[in-house]
């Protein structure tokens, strides 16, 4: 089966609103084994972080990202694409948009953390040009009350 070629100009890319949170939260729950809480999303919106959604013309949520700007560095807090739409270039589109957003805010780089077990995301970030700059020990919750490290990556703008 061939992945669809998206006409990105027809997709709706817009700031995340409080009215989007239930759908965003549901997508988050469906793609991550240790998802963000609704409070994480609400707090991010209330803190005026850059938060954007990507929707099909019919309104179906395809993905989103949240970006926090601190001094001269943007921190990509969360990015996700609906499971059934992964592998079709939408993640790269959202990365492009997050980097463009950071540039527009005058940032010098974009920082993110990713689980070593999230090999798909790790490869996407590496192909995009993010470089590993460190590791945060025990950063993420994992199964059986364990913790998982985070690989810290940076993309210079």
N, C-alpha and C. Protein backbone atom coordinates (compact mmCIF):
# COMPACT_ATOMS: atom_id res chain seq x y z
N UNK A 1 0.85 -1.19 0.00
CA UNK A 1 0.00 0.00 0.00
C UNK A 1 0.89 1.24 0.00
N UNK A 2 0.62 2.15 -0.89
CA UNK A 2 1.39 3.38 -1.00
C UNK A 2 0.81 4.45 -0.09
N UNK A 3 1.70 5.15 0.60
CA UNK A 3 1.26 6.24 1.47
C UNK A 3 0.71 7.38 0.60
N UNK A 4 -0.34 8.04 1.07
CA UNK A 4 -0.88 9.15 0.29
C UNK A 4 0.12 10.30 0.20
N UNK A 5 0.04 11.01 -0.90
CA UNK A 5 0.84 12.22 -1.05
C UNK A 5 -0.05 13.36 -0.59
N UNK A 6 0.39 14.02 0.46
CA UNK A 6 -0.42 15.08 1.04
C UNK A 6 -0.25 16.37 0.27
N UNK A 7 -1.35 17.02 -0.02
CA UNK A 7 -1.33 18.37 -0.54
C UNK A 7 -1.33 19.27 0.69
N UNK A 8 -0.12 19.59 1.15
CA UNK A 8 0.02 20.30 2.43
C UNK A 8 -0.70 21.64 2.43
N UNK A 9 -0.85 22.25 1.25
CA UNK A 9 -1.54 23.54 1.17
C UNK A 9 -3.03 23.39 1.52
N UNK A 10 -3.57 22.18 1.39
CA UNK A 10 -5.00 21.96 1.69
C UNK A 10 -5.24 21.61 3.15
N UNK A 11 -4.17 21.26 3.86
CA UNK A 11 -4.32 20.92 5.27
C UNK A 11 -4.48 22.19 6.09
N UNK A 12 -5.13 22.06 7.22
CA UNK A 12 -5.32 23.20 8.12
C UNK A 12 -4.26 23.14 9.22
N UNK A 13 -3.38 24.11 9.20
CA UNK A 13 -2.32 24.25 10.20
C UNK A 13 -2.62 25.51 10.97
N UNK A 14 -2.94 25.37 12.27
CA UNK A 14 -3.41 26.53 13.02
C UNK A 14 -3.04 26.42 14.49
N UNK A 15 -3.04 27.54 15.19
CA UNK A 15 -2.73 27.51 16.62
C UNK A 15 -3.70 26.60 17.38
N UNK A 16 -3.15 25.85 18.32
CA UNK A 16 -3.97 24.99 19.17
C UNK A 16 -4.81 25.87 20.09
N UNK A 17 -6.06 25.49 20.23
CA UNK A 17 -6.99 26.20 21.10
C UNK A 17 -7.44 25.26 22.22
N UNK A 18 -8.01 25.82 23.26
CA UNK A 18 -8.55 24.99 24.35
C UNK A 18 -9.57 23.99 23.81
N UNK A 19 -10.31 24.38 22.78
CA UNK A 19 -11.31 23.49 22.20
C UNK A 19 -10.69 22.28 21.48
N UNK A 20 -9.39 22.33 21.21
CA UNK A 20 -8.69 21.20 20.57
C UNK A 20 -8.20 20.17 21.58
N UNK A 21 -8.18 20.52 22.85
CA UNK A 21 -7.46 19.71 23.84
C UNK A 21 -7.99 18.29 23.99
N UNK A 22 -9.28 18.07 23.93
CA UNK A 22 -9.80 16.70 24.06
C UNK A 22 -9.28 15.81 22.93
N UNK A 23 -9.30 16.32 21.71
CA UNK A 23 -8.80 15.53 20.57
C UNK A 23 -7.29 15.34 20.64
N UNK A 24 -6.57 16.38 21.01
CA UNK A 24 -5.12 16.30 21.14
C UNK A 24 -4.76 15.27 22.21
N UNK A 25 -5.45 15.33 23.33
CA UNK A 25 -5.22 14.39 24.43
C UNK A 25 -5.50 12.95 23.98
N UNK A 26 -6.58 12.76 23.24
CA UNK A 26 -6.92 11.41 22.75
C UNK A 26 -5.85 10.90 21.79
N UNK A 27 -5.36 11.76 20.91
CA UNK A 27 -4.29 11.35 19.99
C UNK A 27 -3.04 11.00 20.80
N UNK A 28 -2.70 11.82 21.75
CA UNK A 28 -1.54 11.58 22.62
C UNK A 28 -1.65 10.21 23.29
N UNK A 29 -2.82 9.92 23.84
CA UNK A 29 -3.05 8.64 24.51
C UNK A 29 -2.88 7.46 23.55
N UNK A 30 -3.22 7.67 22.29
CA UNK A 30 -3.19 6.57 21.32
C UNK A 30 -1.80 6.28 20.78
N UNK A 31 -0.86 7.22 20.89
CA UNK A 31 0.46 7.00 20.27
C UNK A 31 1.61 6.86 21.25
N UNK A 32 1.43 7.23 22.51
CA UNK A 32 2.53 7.16 23.46
C UNK A 32 2.21 6.20 24.60
N UNK A 33 3.17 5.35 24.97
CA UNK A 33 2.94 4.44 26.10
C UNK A 33 2.91 5.18 27.45
N UNK A 34 3.54 6.33 27.53
CA UNK A 34 3.54 7.16 28.74
C UNK A 34 3.18 8.59 28.31
N UNK A 35 1.90 8.81 28.01
CA UNK A 35 1.47 10.09 27.43
C UNK A 35 1.45 11.23 28.44
N UNK A 36 1.43 12.43 27.88
CA UNK A 36 1.20 13.62 28.68
C UNK A 36 -0.19 13.55 29.29
N UNK A 37 -0.35 14.24 30.41
CA UNK A 37 -1.67 14.37 31.03
C UNK A 37 -2.40 15.55 30.39
N UNK A 38 -3.69 15.59 30.60
CA UNK A 38 -4.47 16.75 30.13
C UNK A 38 -3.93 18.02 30.78
N UNK A 39 -3.49 17.93 32.03
CA UNK A 39 -2.94 19.11 32.73
C UNK A 39 -1.69 19.62 32.04
N UNK A 40 -0.85 18.71 31.50
CA UNK A 40 0.34 19.16 30.76
C UNK A 40 -0.05 20.03 29.58
N UNK A 41 -1.05 19.59 28.83
CA UNK A 41 -1.49 20.37 27.66
C UNK A 41 -2.13 21.68 28.09
N UNK A 42 -2.98 21.63 29.09
CA UNK A 42 -3.64 22.84 29.58
C UNK A 42 -2.61 23.84 30.09
N UNK A 43 -1.66 23.38 30.87
CA UNK A 43 -0.61 24.27 31.38
C UNK A 43 0.20 24.89 30.25
N UNK A 44 0.49 24.11 29.22
CA UNK A 44 1.25 24.63 28.08
C UNK A 44 0.49 25.74 27.37
N UNK A 45 -0.79 25.53 27.16
CA UNK A 45 -1.60 26.59 26.53
C UNK A 45 -1.69 27.80 27.43
N UNK A 46 -1.90 27.57 28.72
CA UNK A 46 -2.01 28.70 29.66
C UNK A 46 -0.69 29.46 29.78
N UNK A 47 0.42 28.80 29.51
CA UNK A 47 1.73 29.45 29.56
C UNK A 47 2.09 30.12 28.24
N UNK A 48 1.17 30.08 27.29
CA UNK A 48 1.34 30.72 25.97
C UNK A 48 2.51 30.13 25.19
N UNK A 49 2.77 28.84 25.37
CA UNK A 49 3.76 28.17 24.54
C UNK A 49 3.22 28.11 23.11
N UNK A 50 4.12 27.99 22.16
CA UNK A 50 3.71 27.80 20.78
C UNK A 50 3.10 26.40 20.68
N UNK A 51 1.84 26.31 20.34
CA UNK A 51 1.13 25.04 20.25
C UNK A 51 0.30 25.07 18.97
N UNK A 52 0.53 24.09 18.11
CA UNK A 52 -0.09 24.09 16.78
C UNK A 52 -0.68 22.72 16.48
N UNK A 53 -1.78 22.73 15.74
CA UNK A 53 -2.41 21.48 15.29
C UNK A 53 -2.43 21.44 13.77
N UNK A 54 -2.44 20.22 13.26
CA UNK A 54 -2.53 19.97 11.82
C UNK A 54 -3.76 19.10 11.59
N UNK A 55 -4.65 19.58 10.72
CA UNK A 55 -5.91 18.87 10.46
C UNK A 55 -6.13 18.69 8.97
N UNK A 56 -6.84 17.61 8.65
CA UNK A 56 -7.30 17.40 7.28
C UNK A 56 -8.38 18.44 6.99
N UNK A 57 -8.70 18.68 5.70
CA UNK A 57 -9.75 19.65 5.38
C UNK A 57 -11.09 19.34 6.07
N UNK A 58 -11.36 18.05 6.34
CA UNK A 58 -12.61 17.69 7.01
C UNK A 58 -12.56 17.88 8.53
N UNK A 59 -11.40 18.35 9.04
CA UNK A 59 -11.26 18.61 10.47
C UNK A 59 -10.60 17.50 11.26
N UNK A 60 -10.32 16.37 10.64
CA UNK A 60 -9.68 15.25 11.34
C UNK A 60 -8.29 15.66 11.81
N UNK A 61 -8.01 15.46 13.09
CA UNK A 61 -6.71 15.81 13.65
C UNK A 61 -5.64 14.84 13.15
N UNK A 62 -4.59 15.38 12.56
CA UNK A 62 -3.47 14.58 12.05
C UNK A 62 -2.28 14.61 12.99
N UNK A 63 -2.06 15.73 13.66
CA UNK A 63 -0.92 15.84 14.56
C UNK A 63 -0.85 17.21 15.20
N UNK A 64 0.21 17.40 15.98
CA UNK A 64 0.39 18.64 16.71
C UNK A 64 1.83 18.74 17.21
N UNK A 65 2.21 19.95 17.62
CA UNK A 65 3.46 20.13 18.36
C UNK A 65 3.31 21.27 19.35
N UNK A 66 4.17 21.23 20.38
CA UNK A 66 4.25 22.28 21.39
C UNK A 66 5.70 22.67 21.55
N UNK A 67 5.96 23.97 21.56
CA UNK A 67 7.31 24.50 21.58
C UNK A 67 7.39 25.60 22.63
N UNK A 68 8.41 25.53 23.48
CA UNK A 68 8.61 26.54 24.52
C UNK A 68 9.89 27.31 24.19
N UNK A 69 9.81 28.62 24.14
CA UNK A 69 10.97 29.47 23.88
C UNK A 69 11.56 29.95 25.20
N UNK A 70 12.87 29.72 25.36
CA UNK A 70 13.58 30.19 26.56
C UNK A 70 14.85 30.89 26.10
N UNK A 71 14.94 32.16 26.37
CA UNK A 71 16.06 33.02 26.01
C UNK A 71 16.34 32.90 24.51
N UNK A 72 17.31 32.07 24.09
CA UNK A 72 17.65 31.95 22.67
C UNK A 72 17.49 30.52 22.15
N UNK A 73 16.82 29.68 22.94
CA UNK A 73 16.66 28.29 22.55
C UNK A 73 15.20 27.87 22.68
N UNK A 74 14.71 27.19 21.65
CA UNK A 74 13.35 26.65 21.70
C UNK A 74 13.43 25.20 22.13
N UNK A 75 12.51 24.79 22.97
CA UNK A 75 12.45 23.41 23.45
C UNK A 75 11.20 22.78 22.85
N UNK A 76 11.42 21.80 21.97
CA UNK A 76 10.30 21.08 21.39
C UNK A 76 9.80 20.10 22.45
N UNK A 77 8.69 20.44 23.07
CA UNK A 77 8.17 19.69 24.21
C UNK A 77 7.46 18.41 23.80
N UNK A 78 6.71 18.49 22.71
CA UNK A 78 5.90 17.36 22.31
C UNK A 78 5.55 17.52 20.84
N UNK A 79 5.62 16.41 20.12
CA UNK A 79 5.18 16.37 18.73
C UNK A 79 4.61 14.98 18.49
N UNK A 80 3.50 14.92 17.79
CA UNK A 80 2.88 13.63 17.54
C UNK A 80 2.09 13.67 16.24
N UNK A 81 2.03 12.50 15.60
CA UNK A 81 1.21 12.29 14.40
C UNK A 81 0.32 11.09 14.69
N UNK A 82 -0.93 11.17 14.27
CA UNK A 82 -1.86 10.06 14.46
C UNK A 82 -1.24 8.77 13.93
N UNK A 83 -1.40 7.68 14.68
CA UNK A 83 -0.73 6.41 14.36
C UNK A 83 -0.99 5.96 12.92
N UNK A 84 -2.21 6.06 12.47
CA UNK A 84 -2.54 5.59 11.13
C UNK A 84 -2.02 6.51 10.02
N UNK A 85 -1.49 7.66 10.39
CA UNK A 85 -0.97 8.62 9.41
C UNK A 85 0.56 8.72 9.47
N UNK A 86 1.18 7.95 10.35
CA UNK A 86 2.64 7.99 10.47
C UNK A 86 3.29 7.39 9.22
N UNK A 87 4.51 7.84 8.94
CA UNK A 87 5.24 7.35 7.78
C UNK A 87 4.83 7.99 6.47
N UNK A 88 4.08 9.09 6.55
CA UNK A 88 3.57 9.74 5.35
C UNK A 88 4.08 11.18 5.19
N UNK A 89 5.11 11.54 5.96
CA UNK A 89 5.72 12.85 5.83
C UNK A 89 5.14 13.93 6.73
N UNK A 90 4.13 13.60 7.52
CA UNK A 90 3.51 14.61 8.36
C UNK A 90 4.40 14.98 9.54
N UNK A 91 5.14 14.03 10.07
CA UNK A 91 6.08 14.33 11.15
C UNK A 91 7.14 15.30 10.70
N UNK A 92 7.66 15.08 9.49
CA UNK A 92 8.66 16.00 8.94
C UNK A 92 8.05 17.40 8.74
N UNK A 93 6.81 17.43 8.26
CA UNK A 93 6.13 18.71 8.10
C UNK A 93 6.04 19.43 9.44
N UNK A 94 5.64 18.72 10.49
CA UNK A 94 5.52 19.35 11.81
C UNK A 94 6.89 19.78 12.35
N UNK A 95 7.93 18.99 12.07
CA UNK A 95 9.29 19.43 12.45
C UNK A 95 9.67 20.70 11.71
N UNK A 96 9.39 20.74 10.40
CA UNK A 96 9.66 21.95 9.62
C UNK A 96 8.96 23.15 10.22
N UNK A 97 7.70 22.95 10.59
CA UNK A 97 6.92 24.05 11.15
C UNK A 97 7.46 24.48 12.52
N UNK A 98 7.88 23.52 13.34
CA UNK A 98 8.40 23.88 14.66
C UNK A 98 9.72 24.63 14.53
N UNK A 99 10.56 24.22 13.58
CA UNK A 99 11.83 24.91 13.35
C UNK A 99 11.55 26.32 12.80
N UNK A 100 10.60 26.44 11.88
CA UNK A 100 10.24 27.76 11.35
C UNK A 100 9.69 28.66 12.45
N UNK A 101 8.91 28.08 13.34
CA UNK A 101 8.37 28.82 14.48
C UNK A 101 9.51 29.33 15.36
N UNK A 102 10.47 28.46 15.66
CA UNK A 102 11.62 28.85 16.49
C UNK A 102 12.42 29.96 15.81
N UNK A 103 12.63 29.84 14.51
CA UNK A 103 13.34 30.90 13.77
C UNK A 103 12.59 32.22 13.87
N UNK A 104 11.27 32.14 13.70
CA UNK A 104 10.44 33.34 13.76
C UNK A 104 10.49 34.02 15.12
N UNK A 105 10.78 33.25 16.14
CA UNK A 105 10.90 33.80 17.50
C UNK A 105 12.32 34.28 17.80
N UNK A 106 13.21 34.16 16.81
CA UNK A 106 14.59 34.62 16.99
C UNK A 106 15.47 33.65 17.77
N UNK A 107 15.08 32.41 17.84
CA UNK A 107 15.87 31.41 18.58
C UNK A 107 17.12 31.02 17.78
N UNK A 108 18.13 30.50 18.49
CA UNK A 108 19.36 30.06 17.85
C UNK A 108 19.41 28.56 17.64
N UNK A 109 18.57 27.82 18.39
CA UNK A 109 18.55 26.36 18.25
C UNK A 109 17.24 25.81 18.79
N UNK A 110 17.01 24.53 18.45
CA UNK A 110 15.86 23.79 18.97
C UNK A 110 16.41 22.59 19.73
N UNK A 111 15.94 22.42 20.94
CA UNK A 111 16.36 21.33 21.81
C UNK A 111 15.18 20.38 22.00
N UNK A 112 15.47 19.09 22.12
CA UNK A 112 14.42 18.12 22.44
C UNK A 112 15.01 16.94 23.19
N UNK A 113 14.13 16.18 23.84
CA UNK A 113 14.51 14.91 24.45
C UNK A 113 13.69 13.82 23.77
N UNK A 114 14.31 12.65 23.63
CA UNK A 114 13.63 11.51 23.04
C UNK A 114 14.08 10.25 23.76
N UNK A 115 13.17 9.32 23.94
CA UNK A 115 13.51 8.05 24.57
C UNK A 115 14.41 7.23 23.64
N UNK A 116 15.43 6.57 24.17
CA UNK A 116 16.22 5.66 23.33
C UNK A 116 15.37 4.55 22.71
N UNK A 117 14.29 4.16 23.40
CA UNK A 117 13.41 3.11 22.87
C UNK A 117 12.52 3.60 21.74
N UNK A 118 12.41 4.91 21.56
CA UNK A 118 11.59 5.47 20.48
C UNK A 118 12.47 5.61 19.24
N UNK A 119 12.87 4.46 18.71
CA UNK A 119 13.84 4.46 17.61
C UNK A 119 13.31 5.16 16.36
N UNK A 120 12.01 5.06 16.12
CA UNK A 120 11.43 5.72 14.94
C UNK A 120 11.65 7.24 15.02
N UNK A 121 11.30 7.83 16.16
CA UNK A 121 11.47 9.27 16.33
C UNK A 121 12.95 9.64 16.31
N UNK A 122 13.77 8.83 16.95
CA UNK A 122 15.21 9.09 16.99
C UNK A 122 15.78 9.17 15.58
N UNK A 123 15.39 8.25 14.73
CA UNK A 123 15.87 8.26 13.34
C UNK A 123 15.35 9.46 12.56
N UNK A 124 14.10 9.83 12.81
CA UNK A 124 13.54 11.02 12.14
C UNK A 124 14.34 12.26 12.52
N UNK A 125 14.61 12.42 13.82
CA UNK A 125 15.36 13.59 14.27
C UNK A 125 16.77 13.60 13.71
N UNK A 126 17.42 12.45 13.70
CA UNK A 126 18.79 12.37 13.15
C UNK A 126 18.80 12.70 11.67
N UNK A 127 17.84 12.14 10.91
CA UNK A 127 17.77 12.45 9.47
C UNK A 127 17.50 13.93 9.23
N UNK A 128 16.75 14.54 10.12
CA UNK A 128 16.43 15.96 9.98
C UNK A 128 17.65 16.83 10.22
N UNK A 129 18.58 16.33 11.04
CA UNK A 129 19.78 17.11 11.33
C UNK A 129 20.01 17.39 12.79
N UNK A 130 19.15 16.88 13.67
CA UNK A 130 19.37 17.03 15.10
C UNK A 130 20.59 16.21 15.49
N UNK A 131 21.39 16.73 16.41
CA UNK A 131 22.60 16.05 16.89
C UNK A 131 22.43 15.72 18.36
N UNK A 132 22.89 14.54 18.74
CA UNK A 132 22.86 14.15 20.14
C UNK A 132 23.89 14.97 20.91
N UNK A 133 23.44 15.58 22.01
CA UNK A 133 24.37 16.41 22.80
C UNK A 133 24.46 15.95 24.24
N UNK A 134 23.64 14.99 24.64
CA UNK A 134 23.70 14.54 26.02
C UNK A 134 22.66 13.50 26.32
N UNK A 135 22.59 13.14 27.59
CA UNK A 135 21.65 12.14 28.06
C UNK A 135 21.19 12.53 29.45
N UNK A 136 19.89 12.44 29.69
CA UNK A 136 19.32 12.68 31.01
C UNK A 136 18.97 11.32 31.60
N UNK A 137 19.67 10.95 32.65
CA UNK A 137 19.46 9.64 33.28
C UNK A 137 18.10 9.58 33.98
N UNK A 138 17.36 8.50 33.71
CA UNK A 138 16.10 8.27 34.39
C UNK A 138 15.06 9.35 34.19
N UNK A 139 15.06 10.00 33.05
CA UNK A 139 14.21 11.15 32.78
C UNK A 139 12.73 10.78 32.62
N UNK A 140 12.47 9.68 31.92
CA UNK A 140 11.11 9.29 31.58
C UNK A 140 10.61 8.15 32.46
N UNK A 141 9.30 8.15 32.77
CA UNK A 141 8.74 6.95 33.41
C UNK A 141 8.71 5.82 32.40
N UNK A 142 8.89 4.60 32.89
CA UNK A 142 8.86 3.42 32.03
C UNK A 142 8.03 2.34 32.72
N UNK A 143 7.92 1.20 32.08
CA UNK A 143 7.12 0.10 32.62
C UNK A 143 7.68 -0.40 33.95
N UNK A 144 6.82 -1.00 34.76
CA UNK A 144 7.20 -1.64 36.02
C UNK A 144 7.93 -0.71 36.99
N UNK A 145 7.45 0.51 37.10
CA UNK A 145 8.03 1.51 38.02
C UNK A 145 9.51 1.79 37.73
N UNK A 146 9.92 1.54 36.51
CA UNK A 146 11.30 1.82 36.10
C UNK A 146 11.35 3.21 35.47
N UNK A 147 12.55 3.66 35.15
CA UNK A 147 12.76 4.94 34.48
C UNK A 147 13.60 4.68 33.23
N UNK A 148 13.44 5.55 32.25
CA UNK A 148 14.21 5.46 31.00
C UNK A 148 14.94 6.77 30.78
N UNK A 149 16.17 6.67 30.30
CA UNK A 149 16.95 7.87 29.99
C UNK A 149 16.30 8.65 28.85
N UNK A 150 16.73 9.88 28.70
CA UNK A 150 16.35 10.70 27.55
C UNK A 150 17.62 11.07 26.80
N UNK A 151 17.58 10.92 25.49
CA UNK A 151 18.64 11.42 24.65
C UNK A 151 18.31 12.88 24.35
N UNK A 152 19.25 13.77 24.64
CA UNK A 152 19.05 15.20 24.39
C UNK A 152 19.65 15.51 23.02
N UNK A 153 18.86 16.19 22.21
CA UNK A 153 19.29 16.52 20.84
C UNK A 153 19.10 18.01 20.59
N UNK A 154 19.94 18.54 19.71
CA UNK A 154 19.86 19.96 19.37
C UNK A 154 19.97 20.12 17.85
N UNK A 155 19.21 21.10 17.34
CA UNK A 155 19.28 21.48 15.94
C UNK A 155 19.60 22.96 15.90
N UNK A 156 20.74 23.32 15.30
CA UNK A 156 21.12 24.73 15.19
C UNK A 156 20.35 25.42 14.08
N UNK A 157 19.95 26.67 14.33
CA UNK A 157 19.19 27.43 13.33
C UNK A 157 20.05 28.42 12.59
